[in-house]
Amino acid sequence: MPYRRVQQWLPKKVLLAWFGIAVGSLLIALALDMFLVPNRIAAGGVTGLATIFFYVLRIPISWTIMALNFLLLFLCYRELGWRLMVRSLYGAVVTSVFVDLLQYRVPIPTHDLLLASIYGGIVAGLGTGIVLRSGGTTGGTDLVARLVHKYLPITMGQALLGADSMVIVMAGVFFSAELALYALLGLLATSQVIDLVQEGLSFSRAAFIISSRHDDVAQAIFRELSRGVTALAGEGMYTGERRPVLICVVAKTEESRLKAVVYKEDAEAFVFITDAHEVLGEGFKSYR
């Protein structure tokens, strides 16, 4: 089919999303075949369960990933919606295919359990993060958490932690306590890298400023830093005094200059500064 006709049926944005899911699925498969499965590291989720089944029951990794994800997606189709459902099915199929194609065909860089758990977790987290940024889902324990949260009075985070913990406990039972500890380390590495991919490498600072000289402080920030300032209505609950709360987002390299500008105008100002991940808009990066 000619490329232009493909574009008519599938817009560029959709094609890029599906390509991103494929790339993320490839990285997850590489993490499994190069680091995790050869070293019996079951770092949570459906892939961890598939690793256990592979060694205990001799069931191929791809079969378990496919079967469990299809079952969970069927149970959760109402909560996901058809778009996410289709992308999740696509991701499950592509991951399973890549796992089969690459198994025994890629090198195993290390049999050191510490290195395998860390680097396997990093590569799996990178792949999972790309899938999520592409509008897909990795399925697995995310879907289990949705089901548990729907029928039991616990949060999604608690359900997700419980599901992954069960897989790691199973790894301790069927493999060893030491391998379960390495699996936990891999799971932590995966979660950190997912956050990094989702939020981006760079992060800015968001400053909240309460000052009796708020107009002078805002003008000084405009003049010295060329940054925008937003004023929100605030009220001191102890004094009952109404005063604007200034919000200003700056690059992390500008934090010290911002504090110097504020306290030059008002030595009694109250300031607190927090991390602001992935700031989009004028003066920062574009969503596109």
Protein backbone atom coordinates (compact mmCIF):
# COMPACT_ATOMS: atom_id res chain seq x y z
CA MET A 1 0.00 0.00 0.00
CA PRO A 2 1.51 3.42 -0.95
CA TYR A 3 2.76 5.55 1.94
CA ARG A 4 0.28 8.38 1.25
CA ARG A 5 -2.64 5.97 1.42
CA VAL A 6 -1.31 4.64 4.74
CA GLN A 7 -1.18 8.22 6.01
CA GLN A 8 -4.84 8.71 5.05
CA TRP A 9 -5.86 5.70 7.15
CA LEU A 10 -3.36 6.24 9.96
CA PRO A 11 -2.28 9.82 10.81
CA LYS A 12 1.39 10.50 11.49
CA LYS A 13 0.72 10.87 15.21
CA VAL A 14 -0.80 7.37 15.38
CA LEU A 15 2.04 5.85 13.36
CA LEU A 16 4.62 7.41 15.68
CA ALA A 17 2.73 6.11 18.73
CA TRP A 18 2.66 2.57 17.37
CA PHE A 19 6.32 2.80 16.40
CA GLY A 20 7.14 3.99 19.94
CA ILE A 21 5.26 1.04 21.45
CA ALA A 22 7.22 -1.32 19.18
CA VAL A 23 10.55 0.22 20.22
CA GLY A 24 9.62 0.03 23.90
CA SER A 25 8.50 -3.59 23.51
CA LEU A 26 11.82 -4.42 21.83
CA LEU A 27 13.75 -2.97 24.79
CA ILE A 28 11.62 -4.96 27.26
CA ALA A 29 12.35 -8.13 25.26
CA LEU A 30 16.08 -7.34 25.28
CA ALA A 31 16.03 -6.83 29.04
CA LEU A 32 14.38 -10.22 29.47
CA ASP A 33 16.54 -12.19 27.04
CA MET A 34 19.90 -10.58 27.87
CA PHE A 35 19.74 -9.93 31.61
CA LEU A 36 16.72 -11.12 33.57
CA VAL A 37 15.64 -14.55 32.30
CA PRO A 38 19.14 -16.08 31.92
CA ASN A 39 19.89 -15.12 35.54
CA ARG A 40 16.46 -16.17 36.92
CA ILE A 41 15.60 -12.64 38.05
CA ALA A 42 11.80 -12.33 38.28
CA ALA A 43 11.51 -8.58 38.81
CA GLY A 44 7.75 -8.36 39.32
CA GLY A 45 4.92 -8.13 36.83
CA VAL A 46 3.81 -10.56 34.16
CA THR A 47 7.38 -10.82 32.86
CA GLY A 48 8.55 -11.89 36.30
CA LEU A 49 5.80 -14.48 36.49
CA ALA A 50 6.74 -15.66 33.00
CA THR A 51 10.35 -16.13 34.18
CA ILE A 52 9.17 -18.32 37.08
CA PHE A 53 6.92 -20.40 34.81
CA PHE A 54 9.78 -20.82 32.33
CA TYR A 55 12.08 -22.42 34.90
CA VAL A 56 9.48 -24.29 36.96
CA LEU A 57 6.99 -25.46 34.32
CA ARG A 58 9.13 -25.05 31.15
CA ILE A 59 6.47 -22.81 29.57
CA PRO A 60 7.98 -20.42 26.99
CA ILE A 61 8.26 -16.83 28.16
CA SER A 62 6.29 -15.45 25.20
CA TRP A 63 3.36 -17.82 25.79
CA THR A 64 2.93 -16.69 29.39
CA ILE A 65 3.22 -12.98 28.51
CA MET A 66 0.66 -13.36 25.73
CA ALA A 67 -1.82 -15.51 27.65
CA LEU A 68 -1.80 -13.50 30.89
CA ASN A 69 -2.00 -10.13 29.14
CA PHE A 70 -4.86 -11.27 26.93
CA LEU A 71 -6.75 -12.56 29.97
CA LEU A 72 -6.18 -9.36 31.97
CA LEU A 73 -7.06 -7.13 29.03
CA PHE A 74 -10.31 -9.05 28.52
CA LEU A 75 -11.20 -8.55 32.20
CA CYS A 76 -10.35 -4.82 32.08
CA TYR A 77 -11.66 -3.81 28.66
CA ARG A 78 -14.42 -1.63 30.11
CA GLU A 79 -11.98 0.38 32.23
CA LEU A 80 -9.40 0.79 29.44
CA GLY A 81 -11.54 1.94 26.52
CA TRP A 82 -11.06 0.60 23.01
CA ARG A 83 -8.08 2.80 22.01
CA LEU A 84 -5.92 1.81 24.97
CA MET A 85 -7.21 -1.76 24.65
CA VAL A 86 -5.99 -2.02 21.04
CA ARG A 87 -2.61 -0.47 21.83
CA SER A 88 -2.18 -2.75 24.84
CA LEU A 89 -2.98 -5.83 22.75
CA TYR A 90 -0.51 -4.63 20.14
CA GLY A 91 2.18 -4.12 22.78
CA ALA A 92 1.60 -7.57 24.29
CA VAL A 93 1.82 -9.27 20.89
CA VAL A 94 4.93 -7.35 19.79
CA THR A 95 6.69 -8.00 23.10
CA SER A 96 5.95 -11.72 22.89
CA VAL A 97 7.19 -11.89 19.29
CA PHE A 98 10.41 -10.05 20.12
CA VAL A 99 11.05 -12.29 23.15
CA ASP A 100 10.73 -15.38 20.93
CA LEU A 101 12.83 -13.95 18.10
CA LEU A 102 15.66 -12.77 20.32
CA GLN A 103 15.85 -15.67 22.77
CA TYR A 104 19.14 -17.55 22.33
CA ARG A 105 20.10 -15.09 19.57
CA VAL A 106 21.35 -12.19 21.67
CA PRO A 107 24.49 -12.23 23.82
CA ILE A 108 24.25 -12.55 27.60
CA PRO A 109 26.62 -9.79 28.79
CA THR A 110 26.90 -10.92 32.41
CA HIS A 111 26.00 -13.62 34.88
CA ASP A 112 26.75 -11.35 37.81
CA LEU A 113 23.39 -11.10 39.58
CA LEU A 114 23.90 -7.53 40.76
CA LEU A 115 24.79 -6.25 37.29
CA ALA A 116 22.02 -8.29 35.65
CA SER A 117 19.34 -7.00 38.03
CA ILE A 118 20.42 -3.35 37.70
CA TYR A 119 20.94 -3.26 33.94
CA GLY A 120 17.96 -5.49 33.26
CA GLY A 121 15.83 -3.14 35.35
CA ILE A 122 17.22 -0.09 33.55
CA VAL A 123 16.57 -1.46 30.05
CA ALA A 124 13.11 -2.74 31.03
CA GLY A 125 12.27 0.61 32.62
CA LEU A 126 13.43 2.47 29.52
CA GLY A 127 11.23 0.27 27.33
CA THR A 128 8.23 0.56 29.63
CA GLY A 129 8.62 4.34 29.83
CA ILE A 130 8.69 4.64 26.03
CA VAL A 131 5.54 2.48 25.76
CA LEU A 132 3.74 4.69 28.30
CA ARG A 133 4.85 7.91 26.60
CA SER A 134 3.56 6.52 23.32
CA GLY A 135 0.07 6.16 24.80
CA GLY A 136 0.22 2.42 25.36
CA THR A 137 0.39 0.29 28.44
CA THR A 138 2.56 -2.60 29.51
CA GLY A 139 -0.46 -4.48 30.87
CA GLY A 140 0.52 -7.03 33.48
CA THR A 141 0.32 -5.98 37.10
CA ASP A 142 -1.06 -2.56 36.10
CA LEU A 143 -4.20 -4.37 34.98
CA VAL A 144 -4.24 -6.56 38.09
CA ALA A 145 -4.10 -3.37 40.17
CA ARG A 146 -7.08 -1.95 38.27
CA LEU A 147 -9.14 -5.07 38.98
CA VAL A 148 -8.20 -5.23 42.66
CA HIS A 149 -8.85 -1.51 43.12
CA LYS A 150 -12.29 -1.91 41.51
CA TYR A 151 -13.47 -4.65 43.89
CA LEU A 152 -11.49 -3.96 47.08
CA PRO A 153 -11.14 -0.75 49.16
CA ILE A 154 -7.43 -0.18 48.43
CA THR A 155 -5.61 2.31 46.23
CA MET A 156 -4.07 1.57 42.83
CA GLY A 157 -0.59 2.07 44.29
CA GLN A 158 -1.22 -0.41 47.08
CA ALA A 159 -2.67 -2.94 44.63
CA LEU A 160 0.29 -2.55 42.26
CA LEU A 161 2.79 -2.96 45.09
CA GLY A 162 0.93 -6.02 46.34
CA ALA A 163 0.84 -7.66 42.89
CA ASP A 164 4.56 -7.11 42.26
CA SER A 165 5.40 -8.23 45.79
CA MET A 166 3.53 -11.50 45.24
CA VAL A 167 5.65 -12.24 42.16
CA ILE A 168 8.85 -11.52 44.07
CA VAL A 169 7.72 -13.74 46.97
CA MET A 170 7.09 -16.50 44.43
CA ALA A 171 10.62 -15.99 43.12
CA GLY A 172 11.88 -16.46 46.68
CA VAL A 173 9.87 -19.69 47.05
CA PHE A 174 10.73 -21.29 43.70
CA PHE A 175 14.27 -19.91 43.27
CA SER A 176 15.91 -18.55 46.42
CA ALA A 177 15.67 -15.67 48.88
CA GLU A 178 18.83 -14.18 47.36
CA LEU A 179 17.32 -14.14 43.86
CA ALA A 180 14.16 -12.56 45.28
CA LEU A 181 16.26 -9.74 46.74
CA TYR A 182 17.95 -9.20 43.38
CA ALA A 183 14.50 -9.20 41.74
CA LEU A 184 13.41 -6.44 44.14
CA LEU A 185 16.51 -4.44 43.19
CA GLY A 186 15.63 -4.86 39.50
CA LEU A 187 12.05 -3.74 40.17
CA LEU A 188 13.30 -0.59 41.93
CA ALA A 189 15.64 0.19 39.02
CA THR A 190 12.77 -0.25 36.55
CA SER A 191 10.45 2.09 38.47
CA GLN A 192 13.11 4.80 38.72
CA VAL A 193 13.88 4.70 35.00
CA ILE A 194 10.16 4.76 34.12
CA ASP A 195 9.82 7.97 36.16
CA LEU A 196 12.91 9.39 34.46
CA VAL A 197 11.55 8.70 30.97
CA GLN A 198 8.11 10.06 31.90
CA GLU A 199 9.38 13.25 33.54
CA GLY A 200 12.49 13.88 31.47
CA LEU A 201 16.13 14.33 32.43
CA SER A 202 15.98 18.05 33.07
CA PHE A 203 13.80 19.59 35.73
CA SER A 204 13.11 23.14 36.80
CA ARG A 205 12.32 24.83 40.09
CA ALA A 206 8.93 26.22 41.09
CA ALA A 207 9.18 29.00 43.69
CA PHE A 208 6.26 30.09 45.88
CA ILE A 209 6.85 33.56 47.30
CA ILE A 210 4.84 35.35 50.01
CA SER A 211 5.90 38.94 50.48
CA SER A 212 4.45 42.18 51.76
CA ARG A 213 6.24 43.84 48.82
CA HIS A 214 4.88 41.47 46.21
CA ASP A 215 4.63 44.09 43.45
CA ASP A 216 8.31 45.07 43.85
CA VAL A 217 9.38 41.40 43.96
CA ALA A 218 7.42 40.58 40.79
CA GLN A 219 8.86 43.56 38.92
CA ALA A 220 12.39 42.61 40.00
CA ILE A 221 11.91 39.06 38.69
CA PHE A 222 10.63 40.45 35.38
CA ARG A 223 13.59 42.79 35.14
CA GLU A 224 16.45 40.60 36.41
CA LEU A 225 15.41 37.12 35.23
CA SER A 226 12.96 37.79 32.38
CA ARG A 227 10.65 35.16 33.90
CA GLY A 228 6.90 35.29 34.24
CA VAL A 229 5.19 35.50 37.62
CA THR A 230 1.67 34.42 38.51
CA ALA A 231 -0.18 35.75 41.56
CA LEU A 232 -2.70 33.57 43.38
CA ALA A 233 -5.00 34.87 46.10
CA GLY A 234 -3.79 33.76 49.53
CA GLU A 235 -4.88 34.26 53.11
CA GLY A 236 -2.93 33.66 56.31
CA MET A 237 -5.09 31.42 58.48
CA TYR A 238 -3.50 32.67 61.71
CA THR A 239 -3.52 36.42 60.98
CA GLY A 240 -6.46 36.45 58.56
CA GLU A 241 -4.40 38.76 56.32
CA ARG A 242 -4.99 38.51 52.57
CA ARG A 243 -1.85 38.57 50.44
CA PRO A 244 -0.94 37.32 46.93
CA VAL A 245 1.18 34.19 46.61
CA LEU A 246 3.64 34.62 43.74
CA ILE A 247 4.56 31.57 41.66
CA CYS A 248 7.61 31.61 39.43
CA VAL A 249 9.16 28.68 37.53
CA VAL A 250 12.85 28.98 36.68
CA ALA A 251 15.63 26.76 35.40
CA LYS A 252 17.58 25.03 38.15
CA THR A 253 20.63 27.15 37.26
CA GLU A 254 18.57 30.30 38.02
CA GLU A 255 17.47 29.25 41.51
CA SER A 256 20.21 31.11 43.39
CA ARG A 257 19.65 34.26 41.31
CA LEU A 258 15.91 34.09 42.02
CA LYS A 259 16.50 33.92 45.77
CA ALA A 260 18.96 36.82 45.58
CA VAL A 261 16.44 38.95 43.66
CA VAL A 262 13.61 38.18 46.08
CA TYR A 263 15.56 38.88 49.25
CA LYS A 264 17.10 42.03 47.80
CA GLU A 265 13.57 43.43 47.53
CA ASP A 266 12.18 41.95 50.75
CA ALA A 267 14.45 40.46 53.40
CA GLU A 268 11.38 39.18 55.28
CA ALA A 269 9.85 37.26 52.35
CA PHE A 270 8.71 33.67 52.88
CA VAL A 271 9.89 31.42 50.03
CA PHE A 272 9.68 27.72 49.40
CA ILE A 273 11.02 26.02 46.28
CA THR A 274 10.08 22.61 44.84
CA ASP A 275 11.14 20.54 41.85
CA ALA A 276 9.03 21.04 38.72
CA HIS A 277 9.48 18.19 36.27
CA GLU A 278 8.95 18.59 32.54
CA VAL A 279 7.82 22.21 32.39
CA LEU A 280 6.04 22.96 29.10
CA GLY A 281 5.29 26.36 27.67
CA GLU A 282 6.86 29.73 26.91
CA GLY A 283 10.42 30.01 28.13
CA PHE A 284 10.75 26.22 28.51
CA LYS A 285 10.33 23.30 26.15
CA SER A 286 7.45 22.76 23.74
CA TYR A 287 5.04 19.85 24.12
CA ARG A 288 5.87 18.85 20.54
